[in-house]
Every structure is written in structure tokens, then in C-alpha cells.
All heavy atoms as atom14 arrays in JSON, in Angstrom:
{
  "sequence": "DDFDANVTLGAIRNSERDLAGARKLLDHAVQL",
  "atom14_mask": [
    [1, 1, 1, 1, 1, 1, 1, 1, 0, 0, 0, 0, 0, 0],
    [1, 1, 1, 1, 1, 1, 1, 1, 0, 0, 0, 0, 0, 0],
    [1, 1, 1, 1, 1, 1, 1, 1, 1, 1, 1, 0, 0, 0],
    [1, 1, 1, 1, 1, 1, 1, 1, 0, 0, 0, 0, 0, 0],
    [1, 1, 1, 1, 1, 0, 0, 0, 0, 0, 0, 0, 0, 0],
    [1, 1, 1, 1, 1, 1, 1, 1, 0, 0, 0, 0, 0, 0],
    [1, 1, 1, 1, 1, 1, 1, 0, 0, 0, 0, 0, 0, 0],
    [1, 1, 1, 1, 1, 1, 1, 0, 0, 0, 0, 0, 0, 0],
    [1, 1, 1, 1, 1, 1, 1, 1, 0, 0, 0, 0, 0, 0],
    [1, 1, 1, 1, 0, 0, 0, 0, 0, 0, 0, 0, 0, 0],
    [1, 1, 1, 1, 1, 0, 0, 0, 0, 0, 0, 0, 0, 0],
    [1, 1, 1, 1, 1, 1, 1, 1, 0, 0, 0, 0, 0, 0],
    [1, 1, 1, 1, 1, 1, 1, 1, 1, 1, 1, 0, 0, 0],
    [1, 1, 1, 1, 1, 1, 1, 1, 0, 0, 0, 0, 0, 0],
    [1, 1, 1, 1, 1, 1, 0, 0, 0, 0, 0, 0, 0, 0],
    [1, 1, 1, 1, 1, 1, 1, 1, 1, 0, 0, 0, 0, 0],
    [1, 1, 1, 1, 1, 1, 1, 1, 1, 1, 1, 0, 0, 0],
    [1, 1, 1, 1, 1, 1, 1, 1, 0, 0, 0, 0, 0, 0],
    [1, 1, 1, 1, 1, 1, 1, 1, 0, 0, 0, 0, 0, 0],
    [1, 1, 1, 1, 1, 0, 0, 0, 0, 0, 0, 0, 0, 0],
    [1, 1, 1, 1, 0, 0, 0, 0, 0, 0, 0, 0, 0, 0],
    [1, 1, 1, 1, 1, 0, 0, 0, 0, 0, 0, 0, 0, 0],
    [1, 1, 1, 1, 1, 1, 1, 1, 1, 1, 1, 0, 0, 0],
    [1, 1, 1, 1, 1, 1, 1, 1, 1, 0, 0, 0, 0, 0],
    [1, 1, 1, 1, 1, 1, 1, 1, 0, 0, 0, 0, 0, 0],
    [1, 1, 1, 1, 1, 1, 1, 1, 0, 0, 0, 0, 0, 0],
    [1, 1, 1, 1, 1, 1, 1, 1, 0, 0, 0, 0, 0, 0],
    [1, 1, 1, 1, 1, 1, 1, 1, 1, 1, 0, 0, 0, 0],
    [1, 1, 1, 1, 1, 0, 0, 0, 0, 0, 0, 0, 0, 0],
    [1, 1, 1, 1, 1, 1, 1, 0, 0, 0, 0, 0, 0, 0],
    [1, 1, 1, 1, 1, 1, 1, 1, 1, 0, 0, 0, 0, 0],
    [1, 1, 1, 1, 1, 1, 1, 1, 0, 0, 0, 0, 0, 0]
  ],
  "atom14_positions": [
    [[0.81, -1.22, 0.0], [0.0, 0.0, 0.0], [0.84, 1.27, 0.0], [0.35, 2.35, 0.34], [-0.93, 0.01, 1.21], [-2.02, -1.05, 1.12], [-2.36, -1.45, -0.01], [-2.52, -1.49, 2.17], [0.0, 0.0, 0.0], [0.0, 0.0, 0.0], [0.0, 0.0, 0.0], [0.0, 0.0, 0.0], [0.0, 0.0, 0.0], [0.0, 0.0, 0.0]],
    [[2.1, 1.15, -0.37], [2.97, 2.33, -0.49], [2.5, 3.14, -1.7], [2.72, 2.75, -2.84], [4.43, 1.89, -0.66], [5.41, 3.05, -0.66], [5.09, 4.11, -1.24], [6.51, 2.89, -0.1], [0.0, 0.0, 0.0], [0.0, 0.0, 0.0], [0.0, 0.0, 0.0], [0.0, 0.0, 0.0], [0.0, 0.0, 0.0], [0.0, 0.0, 0.0]],
    [[1.86, 4.25, -1.43], [1.25, 5.05, -2.5], [2.29, 5.51, -3.52], [2.11, 5.34, -4.73], [0.54, 6.26, -1.89], [0.07, 7.25, -2.92], [-1.09, 7.03, -3.64], [0.81, 8.4, -3.17], [-1.51, 7.93, -4.6], [0.39, 9.31, -4.12], [-0.77, 9.08, -4.85], [0.0, 0.0, 0.0], [0.0, 0.0, 0.0], [0.0, 0.0, 0.0]],
    [[3.36, 6.13, -3.06], [4.35, 6.69, -3.99], [5.01, 5.6, -4.83], [5.3, 5.82, -6.02], [5.42, 7.46, -3.22], [4.87, 8.75, -2.62], [4.04, 9.4, -3.29], [5.25, 9.11, -1.49], [0.0, 0.0, 0.0], [0.0, 0.0, 0.0], [0.0, 0.0, 0.0], [0.0, 0.0, 0.0], [0.0, 0.0, 0.0], [0.0, 0.0, 0.0]],
    [[5.23, 4.43, -4.23], [5.83, 3.33, -5.0], [4.88, 2.85, -6.09], [5.3, 2.57, -7.21], [6.2, 2.19, -4.06], [0.0, 0.0, 0.0], [0.0, 0.0, 0.0], [0.0, 0.0, 0.0], [0.0, 0.0, 0.0], [0.0, 0.0, 0.0], [0.0, 0.0, 0.0], [0.0, 0.0, 0.0], [0.0, 0.0, 0.0], [0.0, 0.0, 0.0]],
    [[3.59, 2.76, -5.77], [2.6, 2.36, -6.78], [2.55, 3.35, -7.94], [2.54, 2.95, -9.11], [1.21, 2.23, -6.13], [0.98, 0.89, -5.47], [0.72, -0.1, -6.14], [1.09, 0.85, -4.15], [0.0, 0.0, 0.0], [0.0, 0.0, 0.0], [0.0, 0.0, 0.0], [0.0, 0.0, 0.0], [0.0, 0.0, 0.0], [0.0, 0.0, 0.0]],
    [[2.53, 4.64, -7.62], [2.44, 5.65, -8.67], [3.7, 5.66, -9.53], [3.63, 5.66, -10.77], [2.22, 7.05, -8.06], [2.35, 8.13, -9.14], [0.85, 7.13, -7.42], [0.0, 0.0, 0.0], [0.0, 0.0, 0.0], [0.0, 0.0, 0.0], [0.0, 0.0, 0.0], [0.0, 0.0, 0.0], [0.0, 0.0, 0.0], [0.0, 0.0, 0.0]],
    [[4.86, 5.65, -8.9], [6.11, 5.75, -9.65], [6.34, 4.52, -10.5], [6.7, 4.63, -11.69], [7.3, 5.96, -8.69], [7.02, 7.06, -7.82], [8.57, 6.27, -9.47], [0.0, 0.0, 0.0], [0.0, 0.0, 0.0], [0.0, 0.0, 0.0], [0.0, 0.0, 0.0], [0.0, 0.0, 0.0], [0.0, 0.0, 0.0], [0.0, 0.0, 0.0]],
    [[6.13, 3.32, -9.94], [6.32, 2.11, -10.73], [5.24, 2.0, -11.81], [5.52, 1.53, -12.92], [6.3, 0.88, -9.83], [6.65, -0.45, -10.51], [8.0, -0.39, -11.21], [6.63, -1.59, -9.5], [0.0, 0.0, 0.0], [0.0, 0.0, 0.0], [0.0, 0.0, 0.0], [0.0, 0.0, 0.0], [0.0, 0.0, 0.0], [0.0, 0.0, 0.0]],
    [[4.04, 2.47, -11.52], [2.99, 2.49, -12.53], [3.38, 3.35, -13.72], [3.15, 2.97, -14.89], [0.0, 0.0, 0.0], [0.0, 0.0, 0.0], [0.0, 0.0, 0.0], [0.0, 0.0, 0.0], [0.0, 0.0, 0.0], [0.0, 0.0, 0.0], [0.0, 0.0, 0.0], [0.0, 0.0, 0.0], [0.0, 0.0, 0.0], [0.0, 0.0, 0.0]],
    [[3.98, 4.5, -13.46], [4.43, 5.37, -14.55], [5.54, 4.71, -15.37], [5.58, 4.82, -16.6], [4.91, 6.7, -13.98], [0.0, 0.0, 0.0], [0.0, 0.0, 0.0], [0.0, 0.0, 0.0], [0.0, 0.0, 0.0], [0.0, 0.0, 0.0], [0.0, 0.0, 0.0], [0.0, 0.0, 0.0], [0.0, 0.0, 0.0], [0.0, 0.0, 0.0]],
    [[6.43, 3.99, -14.69], [7.5, 3.28, -15.4], [6.92, 2.18, -16.26], [7.3, 2.02, -17.44], [8.52, 2.71, -14.39], [9.31, 3.84, -13.72], [9.49, 1.74, -15.09], [10.23, 3.37, -12.61], [0.0, 0.0, 0.0], [0.0, 0.0, 0.0], [0.0, 0.0, 0.0], [0.0, 0.0, 0.0], [0.0, 0.0, 0.0], [0.0, 0.0, 0.0]],
    [[5.99, 1.41, -15.72], [5.37, 0.33, -16.5], [4.66, 0.91, -17.73], [4.7, 0.31, -18.82], [4.36, -0.42, -15.63], [4.98, -1.21, -14.48], [5.82, -2.35, -14.98], [6.23, -3.24, -13.91], [7.46, -3.69, -13.76], [8.4, -3.33, -14.64], [7.77, -4.51, -12.79], [0.0, 0.0, 0.0], [0.0, 0.0, 0.0], [0.0, 0.0, 0.0]],
    [[4.02, 2.04, -17.58], [3.36, 2.68, -18.71], [4.38, 3.07, -19.78], [4.13, 2.86, -20.98], [2.59, 3.91, -18.24], [1.75, 4.51, -19.35], [1.31, 3.83, -20.27], [1.51, 5.82, -19.27], [0.0, 0.0, 0.0], [0.0, 0.0, 0.0], [0.0, 0.0, 0.0], [0.0, 0.0, 0.0], [0.0, 0.0, 0.0], [0.0, 0.0, 0.0]],
    [[5.5, 3.62, -19.35], [6.53, 4.02, -20.32], [7.13, 2.81, -21.04], [7.62, 2.93, -22.16], [7.64, 4.81, -19.63], [8.38, 3.99, -18.75], [0.0, 0.0, 0.0], [0.0, 0.0, 0.0], [0.0, 0.0, 0.0], [0.0, 0.0, 0.0], [0.0, 0.0, 0.0], [0.0, 0.0, 0.0], [0.0, 0.0, 0.0], [0.0, 0.0, 0.0]],
    [[7.06, 1.64, -20.39], [7.54, 0.4, -21.0], [6.44, -0.31, -21.81], [6.67, -1.4, -22.33], [8.06, -0.55, -19.91], [9.27, -0.01, -19.15], [9.64, -0.86, -17.94], [8.74, -1.59, -17.42], [10.8, -0.8, -17.52], [0.0, 0.0, 0.0], [0.0, 0.0, 0.0], [0.0, 0.0, 0.0], [0.0, 0.0, 0.0], [0.0, 0.0, 0.0]],
    [[5.27, 0.31, -21.89], [4.11, -0.23, -22.6], [3.54, -1.49, -21.94], [2.82, -2.26, -22.59], [4.41, -0.5, -24.08], [5.04, 0.66, -24.81], [4.22, 1.92, -24.68], [2.91, 1.81, -25.32], [1.92, 2.69, -25.17], [2.07, 3.72, -24.35], [0.77, 2.51, -25.8], [0.0, 0.0, 0.0], [0.0, 0.0, 0.0], [0.0, 0.0, 0.0]],
    [[3.85, -1.68, -20.67], [3.21, -2.74, -19.9], [1.94, -2.14, -19.32], [1.87, -1.77, -18.14], [4.14, -3.25, -18.8], [3.49, -4.3, -17.9], [2.35, -4.74, -18.21], [4.11, -4.67, -16.88], [0.0, 0.0, 0.0], [0.0, 0.0, 0.0], [0.0, 0.0, 0.0], [0.0, 0.0, 0.0], [0.0, 0.0, 0.0], [0.0, 0.0, 0.0]],
    [[0.9, -2.02, -20.16], [-0.29, -1.29, -19.76], [-1.08, -2.0, -18.68], [-1.64, -1.35, -17.78], [-1.17, -1.04, -20.99], [-0.53, -0.22, -22.12], [-1.53, -0.01, -23.25], [0.01, 1.1, -21.61], [0.0, 0.0, 0.0], [0.0, 0.0, 0.0], [0.0, 0.0, 0.0], [0.0, 0.0, 0.0], [0.0, 0.0, 0.0], [0.0, 0.0, 0.0]],
    [[-1.13, -3.31, -18.74], [-1.86, -4.06, -17.71], [-1.19, -3.89, -16.35], [-1.87, -3.68, -15.33], [-1.95, -5.53, -18.1], [0.0, 0.0, 0.0], [0.0, 0.0, 0.0], [0.0, 0.0, 0.0], [0.0, 0.0, 0.0], [0.0, 0.0, 0.0], [0.0, 0.0, 0.0], [0.0, 0.0, 0.0], [0.0, 0.0, 0.0], [0.0, 0.0, 0.0]],
    [[0.14, -4.0, -16.35], [0.87, -3.82, -15.09], [0.73, -2.41, -14.55], [0.54, -2.2, -13.35], [0.0, 0.0, 0.0], [0.0, 0.0, 0.0], [0.0, 0.0, 0.0], [0.0, 0.0, 0.0], [0.0, 0.0, 0.0], [0.0, 0.0, 0.0], [0.0, 0.0, 0.0], [0.0, 0.0, 0.0], [0.0, 0.0, 0.0], [0.0, 0.0, 0.0]],
    [[0.81, -1.44, -15.45], [0.66, -0.04, -15.03], [-0.74, 0.21, -14.49], [-0.91, 0.88, -13.46], [0.95, 0.88, -16.21], [0.0, 0.0, 0.0], [0.0, 0.0, 0.0], [0.0, 0.0, 0.0], [0.0, 0.0, 0.0], [0.0, 0.0, 0.0], [0.0, 0.0, 0.0], [0.0, 0.0, 0.0], [0.0, 0.0, 0.0], [0.0, 0.0, 0.0]],
    [[-1.75, -0.33, -15.17], [-3.14, -0.09, -14.76], [-3.4, -0.65, -13.36], [-4.06, 0.0, -12.52], [-4.08, -0.74, -15.78], [-5.56, -0.56, -15.48], [-5.99, 0.9, -15.63], [-7.4, 1.09, -15.34], [-8.36, 1.08, -16.26], [-8.06, 0.89, -17.55], [-9.62, 1.27, -15.92], [0.0, 0.0, 0.0], [0.0, 0.0, 0.0], [0.0, 0.0, 0.0]],
    [[-2.89, -1.83, -13.1], [-3.09, -2.44, -11.78], [-2.49, -1.56, -10.69], [-3.12, -1.31, -9.65], [-2.46, -3.83, -11.76], [-2.62, -4.56, -10.44], [-1.99, -5.94, -10.49], [-2.14, -6.66, -9.15], [-1.51, -8.01, -9.18], [0.0, 0.0, 0.0], [0.0, 0.0, 0.0], [0.0, 0.0, 0.0], [0.0, 0.0, 0.0], [0.0, 0.0, 0.0]],
    [[-1.28, -1.08, -10.9], [-0.61, -0.26, -9.9], [-1.31, 1.08, -9.7], [-1.52, 1.53, -8.57], [0.85, -0.02, -10.31], [1.77, -1.25, -10.26], [3.01, -1.03, -11.11], [2.16, -1.56, -8.81], [0.0, 0.0, 0.0], [0.0, 0.0, 0.0], [0.0, 0.0, 0.0], [0.0, 0.0, 0.0], [0.0, 0.0, 0.0], [0.0, 0.0, 0.0]],
    [[-1.71, 1.7, -10.79], [-2.31, 3.03, -10.7], [-3.75, 2.98, -10.21], [-4.2, 3.9, -9.51], [-2.2, 3.74, -12.05], [-0.75, 4.07, -12.43], [-0.66, 4.49, -13.89], [-0.19, 5.16, -11.52], [0.0, 0.0, 0.0], [0.0, 0.0, 0.0], [0.0, 0.0, 0.0], [0.0, 0.0, 0.0], [0.0, 0.0, 0.0], [0.0, 0.0, 0.0]],
    [[-4.47, 1.93, -10.56], [-5.81, 1.75, -9.99], [-5.71, 1.67, -8.46], [-6.52, 2.26, -7.74], [-6.46, 0.47, -10.53], [-7.19, 0.7, -11.85], [-7.57, 1.86, -12.14], [-7.37, -0.28, -12.6], [0.0, 0.0, 0.0], [0.0, 0.0, 0.0], [0.0, 0.0, 0.0], [0.0, 0.0, 0.0], [0.0, 0.0, 0.0], [0.0, 0.0, 0.0]],
    [[-4.72, 0.92, -8.0], [-4.55, 0.77, -6.55], [-4.15, 2.11, -5.92], [-4.64, 2.46, -4.83], [-3.49, -0.29, -6.26], [-3.39, -0.64, -4.8], [-4.48, -0.97, -4.03], [-2.32, -0.7, -3.97], [-4.09, -1.23, -2.79], [-2.79, -1.06, -2.72], [0.0, 0.0, 0.0], [0.0, 0.0, 0.0], [0.0, 0.0, 0.0], [0.0, 0.0, 0.0]],
    [[-3.3, 2.86, -6.6], [-2.89, 4.17, -6.07], [-4.09, 5.1, -5.92], [-4.22, 5.8, -4.9], [-1.84, 4.8, -6.98], [0.0, 0.0, 0.0], [0.0, 0.0, 0.0], [0.0, 0.0, 0.0], [0.0, 0.0, 0.0], [0.0, 0.0, 0.0], [0.0, 0.0, 0.0], [0.0, 0.0, 0.0], [0.0, 0.0, 0.0], [0.0, 0.0, 0.0]],
    [[-4.97, 5.11, -6.91], [-6.15, 5.97, -6.83], [-7.09, 5.49, -5.73], [-7.75, 6.3, -5.06], [-6.87, 6.02, -8.2], [-8.22, 6.72, -8.08], [-5.99, 6.75, -9.22], [0.0, 0.0, 0.0], [0.0, 0.0, 0.0], [0.0, 0.0, 0.0], [0.0, 0.0, 0.0], [0.0, 0.0, 0.0], [0.0, 0.0, 0.0], [0.0, 0.0, 0.0]],
    [[-7.17, 4.19, -5.51], [-7.97, 3.68, -4.4], [-7.4, 4.14, -3.06], [-8.15, 4.47, -2.14], [-8.02, 2.15, -4.45], [-8.87, 1.59, -5.59], [-8.75, 0.08, -5.69], [-8.02, -0.56, -4.94], [-9.49, -0.51, -6.61], [0.0, 0.0, 0.0], [0.0, 0.0, 0.0], [0.0, 0.0, 0.0], [0.0, 0.0, 0.0], [0.0, 0.0, 0.0]],
    [[-6.06, 4.17, -2.98], [-5.43, 4.59, -1.74], [-5.64, 6.08, -1.49], [-5.9, 6.5, -0.36], [-3.92, 4.29, -1.79], [-3.51, 2.82, -1.76], [-2.03, 2.67, -2.08], [-3.82, 2.22, -0.39], [0.0, 0.0, 0.0], [0.0, 0.0, 0.0], [0.0, 0.0, 0.0], [0.0, 0.0, 0.0], [0.0, 0.0, 0.0], [0.0, 0.0, 0.0]]
  ]
}
């Protein structure tokens, strides 16, 4: 539940075009 880690890694996954991985992380960040 580390908010900043979810957001930052989500942005990295997005830049790598791992959209599913990014979406999971960022959905969780917004829930937090």
C-alpha cells in the first residue's frame, strides 16, 4: 500500500508499454 511506490512504478510500467501492469498499480494508487 505504499502510495508513492505504486504511482512511480505504474508510470515506469506505462513508459515500457506494460499497460496491464501499469493499470493495476495506478488503480490501486487511486484507491489509496
